[in-house]
């Protein structure tokens, strides 16, 4: 009986210490470092080579004749040695969260697609100045203003890969 009380007290003290240290900031997640500006430029310049490549939903990742949004980001990031998952929804789980106000060139930006169930269904690469390099619909791969009403309304999250 005495042993059980002692064990419970030790557990309670340990739990309180953990909560207290976390509250003081010792348990915070590390900051997500952006790609270096030269890596981000390399990434965007490589993606730039595909401007105008037609969009085709669900296309194979082995082709560069067509892209859908996630096959495009998968192809472009592979150039820097990243092996991203196939879908936008799965890509939204890699790297580290970054707030919209702290976006840097090379961050992945994600959007809901209400016509497909209102979950993450689109991904692009943040290019700076409120623009993203991505592909969808007519015109294929292009730079898109994220502040236009559709994209602004459906913005979901962003992830940062890098050191």
N, C-alpha and C. Protein backbone atom coordinates (compact mmCIF):
# COMPACT_ATOMS: atom_id res chain seq x y z
N UNK A 1 0.84 -1.18 0.00
CA UNK A 1 0.00 0.00 0.00
C UNK A 1 0.88 1.25 0.00
N UNK A 2 1.90 1.32 0.84
CA UNK A 2 2.82 2.42 0.92
C UNK A 2 3.59 2.61 -0.40
N UNK A 3 3.98 1.48 -0.98
CA UNK A 3 4.71 1.51 -2.26
C UNK A 3 3.85 2.14 -3.35
N UNK A 4 2.58 1.81 -3.40
CA UNK A 4 1.65 2.33 -4.40
C UNK A 4 1.50 3.85 -4.25
N UNK A 5 1.39 4.36 -3.02
CA UNK A 5 1.27 5.80 -2.79
C UNK A 5 2.53 6.53 -3.25
N UNK A 6 3.69 5.95 -2.93
CA UNK A 6 4.96 6.55 -3.34
C UNK A 6 5.07 6.58 -4.86
N UNK A 7 4.69 5.50 -5.50
CA UNK A 7 4.74 5.41 -6.96
C UNK A 7 3.81 6.47 -7.58
N UNK A 8 2.62 6.63 -7.05
CA UNK A 8 1.67 7.62 -7.56
C UNK A 8 2.20 9.04 -7.37
N UNK A 9 2.84 9.32 -6.22
CA UNK A 9 3.40 10.65 -5.99
C UNK A 9 4.53 10.95 -6.97
N UNK A 10 5.39 9.98 -7.21
CA UNK A 10 6.50 10.16 -8.17
C UNK A 10 5.94 10.43 -9.56
N UNK A 11 4.93 9.68 -9.94
CA UNK A 11 4.29 9.88 -11.25
C UNK A 11 3.71 11.29 -11.35
N UNK A 12 2.99 11.73 -10.31
CA UNK A 12 2.36 13.04 -10.30
C UNK A 12 3.39 14.16 -10.38
N UNK A 13 4.48 14.04 -9.64
CA UNK A 13 5.55 15.05 -9.68
C UNK A 13 6.17 15.09 -11.07
N UNK A 14 6.43 13.94 -11.63
CA UNK A 14 7.01 13.88 -12.98
C UNK A 14 6.10 14.50 -14.02
N UNK A 15 4.81 14.22 -13.93
CA UNK A 15 3.84 14.78 -14.86
C UNK A 15 3.78 16.29 -14.72
N UNK A 16 3.75 16.79 -13.50
CA UNK A 16 3.72 18.24 -13.26
C UNK A 16 4.98 18.91 -13.80
N UNK A 17 6.12 18.28 -13.60
CA UNK A 17 7.38 18.84 -14.11
C UNK A 17 7.35 18.92 -15.63
N UNK A 18 6.85 17.88 -16.27
CA UNK A 18 6.77 17.87 -17.73
C UNK A 18 5.85 18.97 -18.22
N UNK A 19 4.70 19.11 -17.62
CA UNK A 19 3.75 20.15 -18.01
C UNK A 19 4.36 21.53 -17.77
N UNK A 20 5.01 21.71 -16.64
CA UNK A 20 5.62 23.00 -16.30
C UNK A 20 6.73 23.38 -17.27
N UNK A 21 7.60 22.43 -17.59
CA UNK A 21 8.70 22.73 -18.52
C UNK A 21 8.18 23.03 -19.92
N UNK A 22 7.14 22.31 -20.33
CA UNK A 22 6.54 22.58 -21.63
C UNK A 22 5.96 23.98 -21.65
N UNK A 23 5.29 24.37 -20.60
CA UNK A 23 4.70 25.71 -20.52
C UNK A 23 5.76 26.80 -20.57
N UNK A 24 6.94 26.52 -20.06
CA UNK A 24 8.03 27.50 -20.09
C UNK A 24 8.71 27.58 -21.45
N UNK A 25 8.36 26.67 -22.35
CA UNK A 25 8.93 26.73 -23.69
C UNK A 25 9.96 25.67 -23.96
N UNK A 26 10.31 24.84 -22.96
CA UNK A 26 11.32 23.82 -23.18
C UNK A 26 10.81 22.70 -24.08
N UNK A 27 9.49 22.58 -24.21
CA UNK A 27 8.94 21.50 -25.00
C UNK A 27 8.47 21.94 -26.38
N UNK A 28 8.81 23.17 -26.79
CA UNK A 28 8.36 23.65 -28.09
C UNK A 28 9.09 22.93 -29.22
N UNK A 29 8.38 22.81 -30.33
CA UNK A 29 8.99 22.21 -31.52
C UNK A 29 10.03 23.18 -32.07
N UNK A 30 11.10 22.65 -32.64
CA UNK A 30 12.11 23.52 -33.22
C UNK A 30 11.56 24.29 -34.42
N UNK A 31 12.14 25.44 -34.69
CA UNK A 31 11.73 26.24 -35.83
C UNK A 31 12.03 25.50 -37.12
N UNK A 32 11.20 25.70 -38.11
CA UNK A 32 11.41 25.08 -39.42
C UNK A 32 12.28 26.02 -40.24
N UNK A 33 13.45 25.56 -40.61
CA UNK A 33 14.35 26.36 -41.43
C UNK A 33 13.96 26.25 -42.89
N UNK A 34 13.90 27.37 -43.57
CA UNK A 34 13.54 27.38 -44.98
C UNK A 34 14.71 26.86 -45.81
N UNK A 35 14.39 26.49 -47.04
CA UNK A 35 15.46 26.14 -47.97
C UNK A 35 16.34 27.37 -48.11
N UNK A 36 17.61 27.17 -48.35
CA UNK A 36 18.48 28.33 -48.59
C UNK A 36 17.94 29.07 -49.81
N UNK A 37 18.25 30.35 -49.92
CA UNK A 37 17.72 31.10 -51.06
C UNK A 37 18.23 30.53 -52.38
N UNK A 38 19.45 30.00 -52.38
CA UNK A 38 19.95 29.41 -53.64
C UNK A 38 19.23 28.11 -53.96
N UNK A 39 18.91 27.30 -52.93
CA UNK A 39 18.15 26.07 -53.17
C UNK A 39 16.74 26.38 -53.63
N UNK A 40 16.10 27.37 -53.00
CA UNK A 40 14.75 27.76 -53.39
C UNK A 40 14.75 28.29 -54.82
N UNK A 41 15.76 29.08 -55.18
CA UNK A 41 15.86 29.59 -56.56
C UNK A 41 16.07 28.45 -57.55
N UNK A 42 16.93 27.51 -57.18
CA UNK A 42 17.18 26.34 -58.02
C UNK A 42 15.87 25.56 -58.24
N UNK A 43 15.13 25.38 -57.16
CA UNK A 43 13.87 24.65 -57.21
C UNK A 43 12.87 25.35 -58.14
N UNK A 44 12.69 26.65 -57.94
CA UNK A 44 11.73 27.40 -58.76
C UNK A 44 12.20 27.51 -60.22
N UNK A 45 13.49 27.67 -60.43
CA UNK A 45 14.00 27.74 -61.81
C UNK A 45 13.81 26.41 -62.53
N UNK A 46 13.99 25.31 -61.82
CA UNK A 46 13.75 23.99 -62.41
C UNK A 46 12.26 23.83 -62.73
N UNK A 47 11.40 24.21 -61.79
CA UNK A 47 9.96 24.13 -62.02
C UNK A 47 9.50 25.01 -63.16
N UNK A 48 10.15 26.15 -63.30
CA UNK A 48 9.91 27.11 -64.38
C UNK A 48 10.02 26.46 -65.76
N UNK A 49 10.92 25.49 -65.89
CA UNK A 49 11.13 24.80 -67.17
C UNK A 49 9.87 24.11 -67.67
N UNK A 50 8.93 23.85 -66.78
CA UNK A 50 7.71 23.14 -67.14
C UNK A 50 6.52 24.06 -67.35
N UNK A 51 6.74 25.38 -67.33
CA UNK A 51 5.63 26.31 -67.54
C UNK A 51 4.87 25.93 -68.81
N UNK A 52 3.54 25.88 -68.69
CA UNK A 52 2.70 25.54 -69.83
C UNK A 52 2.47 24.04 -70.04
N UNK A 53 3.21 23.19 -69.31
CA UNK A 53 2.98 21.75 -69.44
C UNK A 53 1.54 21.46 -69.02
N UNK A 54 0.79 20.74 -69.86
CA UNK A 54 -0.63 20.52 -69.57
C UNK A 54 -0.90 19.79 -68.27
N UNK A 55 -2.08 20.11 -67.71
CA UNK A 55 -2.58 19.49 -66.49
C UNK A 55 -3.41 18.27 -66.85
N UNK A 56 -3.23 17.19 -66.09
CA UNK A 56 -4.05 16.00 -66.25
C UNK A 56 -4.14 15.31 -64.89
N UNK A 57 -5.33 15.30 -64.31
CA UNK A 57 -5.53 14.74 -62.97
C UNK A 57 -5.15 13.26 -62.94
N UNK A 58 -4.42 12.85 -61.90
CA UNK A 58 -4.09 11.44 -61.68
C UNK A 58 -3.02 10.88 -62.60
N UNK A 59 -2.31 11.75 -63.28
CA UNK A 59 -1.28 11.30 -64.23
C UNK A 59 -0.14 10.57 -63.50
N UNK A 60 0.53 9.69 -64.19
CA UNK A 60 1.66 8.94 -63.64
C UNK A 60 2.81 9.90 -63.30
N UNK A 61 3.54 9.57 -62.26
CA UNK A 61 4.69 10.41 -61.89
C UNK A 61 5.89 10.16 -62.79
N UNK A 62 5.80 9.20 -63.68
CA UNK A 62 6.95 8.91 -64.55
C UNK A 62 6.95 9.75 -65.83
N UNK A 63 5.91 10.53 -66.05
CA UNK A 63 5.85 11.34 -67.26
C UNK A 63 6.06 12.82 -66.94
N UNK A 64 6.58 13.54 -67.93
CA UNK A 64 6.67 15.00 -67.82
C UNK A 64 5.86 15.65 -68.95
N UNK A 65 5.08 14.85 -69.67
CA UNK A 65 4.21 15.38 -70.74
C UNK A 65 2.99 16.05 -70.14
N UNK A 66 2.59 15.59 -68.97
CA UNK A 66 1.45 16.13 -68.22
C UNK A 66 1.83 16.10 -66.74
N UNK A 67 1.15 16.93 -65.96
CA UNK A 67 1.30 16.89 -64.50
C UNK A 67 -0.05 17.11 -63.86
N UNK A 68 -0.24 16.54 -62.67
CA UNK A 68 -1.27 17.06 -61.79
C UNK A 68 -0.48 17.77 -60.69
N UNK A 69 -1.16 18.41 -59.76
CA UNK A 69 -0.44 19.27 -58.81
C UNK A 69 0.63 18.53 -58.02
N UNK A 70 0.29 17.35 -57.51
CA UNK A 70 1.25 16.65 -56.65
C UNK A 70 2.32 15.91 -57.44
N UNK A 71 2.03 15.48 -58.67
CA UNK A 71 3.10 14.87 -59.47
C UNK A 71 4.12 15.94 -59.86
N UNK A 72 3.62 17.18 -60.03
CA UNK A 72 4.52 18.30 -60.33
C UNK A 72 5.44 18.61 -59.15
N UNK A 73 4.87 18.77 -57.95
CA UNK A 73 5.73 19.08 -56.80
C UNK A 73 6.67 17.92 -56.50
N UNK A 74 6.19 16.70 -56.68
CA UNK A 74 7.05 15.53 -56.47
C UNK A 74 8.24 15.57 -57.42
N UNK A 75 8.00 15.89 -58.70
CA UNK A 75 9.07 15.96 -59.71
C UNK A 75 10.06 17.07 -59.38
N UNK A 76 9.56 18.24 -59.07
CA UNK A 76 10.43 19.39 -58.83
C UNK A 76 11.28 19.19 -57.57
N UNK A 77 10.67 18.73 -56.48
CA UNK A 77 11.44 18.54 -55.25
C UNK A 77 12.43 17.39 -55.37
N UNK A 78 12.16 16.44 -56.24
CA UNK A 78 13.10 15.33 -56.43
C UNK A 78 14.44 15.86 -56.95
N UNK A 79 14.40 16.96 -57.70
CA UNK A 79 15.62 17.59 -58.22
C UNK A 79 16.56 17.99 -57.08
N UNK A 80 15.98 18.31 -55.90
CA UNK A 80 16.80 18.69 -54.73
C UNK A 80 17.03 17.50 -53.79
N UNK A 81 16.60 16.31 -54.21
CA UNK A 81 16.84 15.11 -53.42
C UNK A 81 15.73 14.73 -52.47
N UNK A 82 14.57 15.39 -52.55
CA UNK A 82 13.43 15.04 -51.69
C UNK A 82 12.53 14.05 -52.41
N UNK A 83 12.11 13.02 -51.69
CA UNK A 83 11.19 12.05 -52.25
C UNK A 83 9.82 12.25 -51.60
N UNK A 84 9.01 13.11 -52.19
CA UNK A 84 7.69 13.42 -51.64
C UNK A 84 6.71 12.29 -51.92
N UNK A 85 5.70 12.14 -51.05
CA UNK A 85 4.62 11.19 -51.33
C UNK A 85 3.87 11.61 -52.59
N UNK A 86 3.00 10.77 -53.09
CA UNK A 86 2.32 11.00 -54.36
C UNK A 86 1.21 12.04 -54.30
N UNK A 87 0.43 12.08 -53.23
CA UNK A 87 -0.75 12.95 -53.23
C UNK A 87 -0.54 14.23 -52.41
N UNK A 88 -1.32 15.25 -52.74
CA UNK A 88 -1.26 16.52 -51.99
C UNK A 88 -1.56 16.27 -50.51
N UNK A 89 -2.55 15.44 -50.24
CA UNK A 89 -2.93 15.18 -48.85
C UNK A 89 -1.76 14.56 -48.09
N UNK A 90 -1.04 13.63 -48.71
CA UNK A 90 0.11 13.00 -48.04
C UNK A 90 1.31 13.95 -47.99
N UNK A 91 1.48 14.78 -49.00
CA UNK A 91 2.58 15.76 -48.98
C UNK A 91 2.39 16.76 -47.85
N UNK A 92 1.14 17.01 -47.47
CA UNK A 92 0.84 17.96 -46.39
C UNK A 92 1.27 17.44 -45.03
N UNK A 93 1.73 16.19 -44.98
CA UNK A 93 2.16 15.60 -43.71
C UNK A 93 3.68 15.58 -43.56
N UNK A 94 4.41 16.00 -44.58
CA UNK A 94 5.87 15.99 -44.49
C UNK A 94 6.40 17.37 -44.15
N UNK A 95 7.64 17.44 -43.74
CA UNK A 95 8.22 18.72 -43.37
C UNK A 95 7.62 19.26 -42.10
N UNK A 96 7.72 20.56 -41.93
CA UNK A 96 7.21 21.21 -40.72
C UNK A 96 6.21 22.29 -41.08
N UNK A 97 5.24 22.43 -40.21
CA UNK A 97 4.23 23.46 -40.39
C UNK A 97 4.89 24.84 -40.44
N UNK A 98 4.37 25.70 -41.30
CA UNK A 98 4.78 27.10 -41.33
C UNK A 98 3.51 27.94 -41.55
N UNK A 99 3.41 29.02 -40.81
CA UNK A 99 2.22 29.87 -40.93
C UNK A 99 2.25 30.63 -42.26
N UNK A 100 1.08 31.03 -42.70
CA UNK A 100 0.97 31.75 -43.98
C UNK A 100 1.78 33.04 -43.96
N UNK A 101 1.81 33.71 -42.82
CA UNK A 101 2.54 34.99 -42.75
C UNK A 101 4.06 34.79 -42.76
N UNK A 102 4.52 33.57 -42.54
CA UNK A 102 5.96 33.29 -42.53
C UNK A 102 6.44 32.48 -43.73
N UNK A 103 5.64 32.45 -44.79
CA UNK A 103 6.03 31.68 -45.97
C UNK A 103 7.33 32.20 -46.58
N UNK A 104 8.13 31.28 -47.05
CA UNK A 104 9.38 31.59 -47.76
C UNK A 104 9.35 30.86 -49.09
N UNK A 105 10.09 31.37 -50.05
CA UNK A 105 10.19 30.69 -51.34
C UNK A 105 10.60 29.24 -51.13
N UNK A 106 9.90 28.35 -51.84
CA UNK A 106 10.21 26.93 -51.75
C UNK A 106 9.32 26.17 -50.79
N UNK A 107 8.51 26.86 -49.98
CA UNK A 107 7.58 26.16 -49.09
C UNK A 107 6.44 25.56 -49.91
N UNK A 108 5.93 24.43 -49.45
CA UNK A 108 4.76 23.82 -50.08
C UNK A 108 3.51 24.47 -49.49
N UNK A 109 2.57 24.87 -50.34
CA UNK A 109 1.32 25.47 -49.89
C UNK A 109 0.16 24.57 -50.32
N UNK A 110 -0.80 24.40 -49.42
CA UNK A 110 -1.87 23.44 -49.62
C UNK A 110 -3.23 24.11 -49.54
N UNK A 111 -4.16 23.56 -50.32
CA UNK A 111 -5.50 24.13 -50.43
C UNK A 111 -6.55 23.03 -50.38
N UNK A 112 -7.71 23.40 -49.85
CA UNK A 112 -8.86 22.51 -49.88
C UNK A 112 -9.47 22.58 -51.27
N UNK A 113 -10.11 21.50 -51.68
CA UNK A 113 -10.83 21.47 -52.95
C UNK A 113 -12.27 21.07 -52.63
N UNK A 114 -13.14 22.07 -52.41
CA UNK A 114 -14.51 21.79 -51.98
C UNK A 114 -15.25 20.81 -52.89
N UNK A 115 -14.98 20.84 -54.19
CA UNK A 115 -15.69 19.94 -55.11
C UNK A 115 -15.28 18.48 -54.93
N UNK A 116 -14.18 18.26 -54.17
CA UNK A 116 -13.73 16.89 -53.93
C UNK A 116 -13.83 16.51 -52.45
N UNK A 117 -14.70 17.14 -51.72
CA UNK A 117 -14.91 16.74 -50.34
C UNK A 117 -14.33 17.68 -49.31
N UNK A 118 -13.87 18.86 -49.73
CA UNK A 118 -13.40 19.88 -48.80
C UNK A 118 -12.20 19.46 -47.94
N UNK A 119 -11.34 18.60 -48.47
CA UNK A 119 -10.11 18.26 -47.78
C UNK A 119 -8.95 18.72 -48.64
N UNK A 120 -7.73 18.61 -48.12
CA UNK A 120 -6.56 19.04 -48.90
C UNK A 120 -6.51 18.25 -50.19
N UNK A 121 -6.52 18.99 -51.28
CA UNK A 121 -6.54 18.35 -52.58
C UNK A 121 -5.69 19.07 -53.60
N UNK A 122 -4.99 20.13 -53.18
CA UNK A 122 -4.13 20.86 -54.11
C UNK A 122 -2.87 21.32 -53.40
N UNK A 123 -1.76 21.30 -54.14
CA UNK A 123 -0.47 21.74 -53.61
C UNK A 123 0.25 22.58 -54.66
N UNK A 124 0.98 23.56 -54.18
CA UNK A 124 1.83 24.38 -55.04
C UNK A 124 3.11 24.70 -54.30
N UNK A 125 4.01 25.37 -54.98
CA UNK A 125 5.29 25.77 -54.39
C UNK A 125 5.28 27.29 -54.25
N UNK A 126 5.45 27.78 -53.03
CA UNK A 126 5.44 29.22 -52.81
C UNK A 126 6.62 29.86 -53.55
N UNK A 127 6.30 30.89 -54.34
CA UNK A 127 7.32 31.54 -55.18
C UNK A 127 7.63 32.96 -54.71
N UNK A 128 7.02 33.39 -53.61
CA UNK A 128 7.25 34.75 -53.12
C UNK A 128 6.18 35.70 -53.62
N UNK A 129 6.03 36.81 -52.94
CA UNK A 129 5.09 37.87 -53.32
C UNK A 129 3.66 37.37 -53.53
N UNK A 130 3.23 36.41 -52.70
CA UNK A 130 1.86 35.94 -52.78
C UNK A 130 1.56 35.04 -53.96
N UNK A 131 2.60 34.56 -54.62
CA UNK A 131 2.40 33.70 -55.79
C UNK A 131 2.89 32.29 -55.51
N UNK A 132 2.30 31.33 -56.23
CA UNK A 132 2.76 29.95 -56.16
C UNK A 132 2.94 29.41 -57.56
N UNK A 133 3.88 28.48 -57.70
CA UNK A 133 4.09 27.74 -58.94
C UNK A 133 3.33 26.44 -58.76
N UNK A 134 2.40 26.17 -59.67
CA UNK A 134 1.53 25.00 -59.51
C UNK A 134 0.92 24.64 -60.85
N UNK A 135 0.09 23.62 -60.86
CA UNK A 135 -0.62 23.27 -62.08
C UNK A 135 -2.05 22.86 -61.76
N UNK A 136 -2.95 23.32 -62.59
CA UNK A 136 -4.36 22.94 -62.54
C UNK A 136 -5.00 23.48 -63.81
N UNK A 137 -6.05 22.86 -64.26
CA UNK A 137 -6.88 23.37 -65.35
C UNK A 137 -6.14 23.81 -66.60
N UNK A 138 -6.79 24.71 -67.34
CA UNK A 138 -6.20 25.16 -68.60
C UNK A 138 -4.95 25.98 -68.34
N UNK A 139 -4.00 25.84 -69.20
CA UNK A 139 -2.73 26.54 -69.04
C UNK A 139 -1.68 25.71 -68.32
N UNK A 140 -2.11 24.64 -67.65
CA UNK A 140 -1.17 23.73 -67.01
C UNK A 140 -0.30 24.42 -65.97
N UNK A 141 1.00 24.14 -66.00
CA UNK A 141 1.94 24.70 -65.01
C UNK A 141 2.02 26.21 -65.19
N UNK A 142 1.82 26.93 -64.08
CA UNK A 142 1.80 28.39 -64.14
C UNK A 142 2.04 28.99 -62.75
N UNK A 143 2.29 30.28 -62.74
CA UNK A 143 2.34 31.03 -61.49
C UNK A 143 0.93 31.54 -61.23
N UNK A 144 0.48 31.38 -59.98
CA UNK A 144 -0.88 31.75 -59.61
C UNK A 144 -0.85 32.66 -58.39
N UNK A 145 -1.70 33.67 -58.41
CA UNK A 145 -1.83 34.59 -57.29
C UNK A 145 -2.64 33.92 -56.18
N UNK A 146 -2.00 33.64 -55.06
CA UNK A 146 -2.67 32.98 -53.93
C UNK A 146 -3.67 33.90 -53.24
N UNK A 147 -3.64 35.19 -53.54
CA UNK A 147 -4.55 36.14 -52.89
C UNK A 147 -5.84 36.34 -53.67
N UNK A 148 -5.97 35.65 -54.82
CA UNK A 148 -7.24 35.73 -55.53
C UNK A 148 -8.29 35.02 -54.68
N UNK A 149 -9.55 35.34 -54.90
CA UNK A 149 -10.60 34.89 -53.97
C UNK A 149 -10.65 33.37 -53.77
N UNK A 150 -10.58 32.56 -54.85
CA UNK A 150 -10.68 31.12 -54.69
C UNK A 150 -9.55 30.58 -53.81
N UNK A 151 -8.32 30.95 -54.12
CA UNK A 151 -7.17 30.41 -53.39
C UNK A 151 -7.12 30.93 -51.96
N UNK A 152 -7.44 32.18 -51.78
CA UNK A 152 -7.45 32.76 -50.43
C UNK A 152 -8.49 32.05 -49.55
N UNK A 153 -9.66 31.81 -50.11
CA UNK A 153 -10.75 31.17 -49.37
C UNK A 153 -10.45 29.71 -49.04
N UNK A 154 -9.69 29.04 -49.88
CA UNK A 154 -9.45 27.60 -49.72
C UNK A 154 -8.06 27.24 -49.20
N UNK A 155 -7.29 28.26 -48.82
CA UNK A 155 -5.96 27.99 -48.27
C UNK A 155 -6.11 27.10 -47.01
N UNK A 156 -5.26 26.07 -46.91
CA UNK A 156 -5.36 25.15 -45.77
C UNK A 156 -4.14 25.23 -44.85
N UNK A 157 -2.94 25.10 -45.41
CA UNK A 157 -1.74 25.05 -44.58
C UNK A 157 -0.51 25.15 -45.47
N UNK A 158 0.65 25.17 -44.84
CA UNK A 158 1.91 25.15 -45.58
C UNK A 158 2.91 24.30 -44.81
N UNK A 159 3.83 23.72 -45.54
CA UNK A 159 4.87 22.87 -44.95
C UNK A 159 6.21 23.32 -45.52
N UNK A 160 7.22 23.19 -44.67
CA UNK A 160 8.57 23.60 -45.06
C UNK A 160 9.49 22.38 -45.00
N UNK A 161 10.18 22.16 -46.08
CA UNK A 161 11.20 21.13 -46.13
C UNK A 161 12.54 21.86 -45.99
N UNK A 162 13.55 21.17 -45.64
CA UNK A 162 14.86 21.82 -45.52
C UNK A 162 15.53 21.42 -44.24
N UNK A 163 16.68 22.04 -44.02
CA UNK A 163 17.52 21.69 -42.86
C UNK A 163 16.84 22.01 -41.56
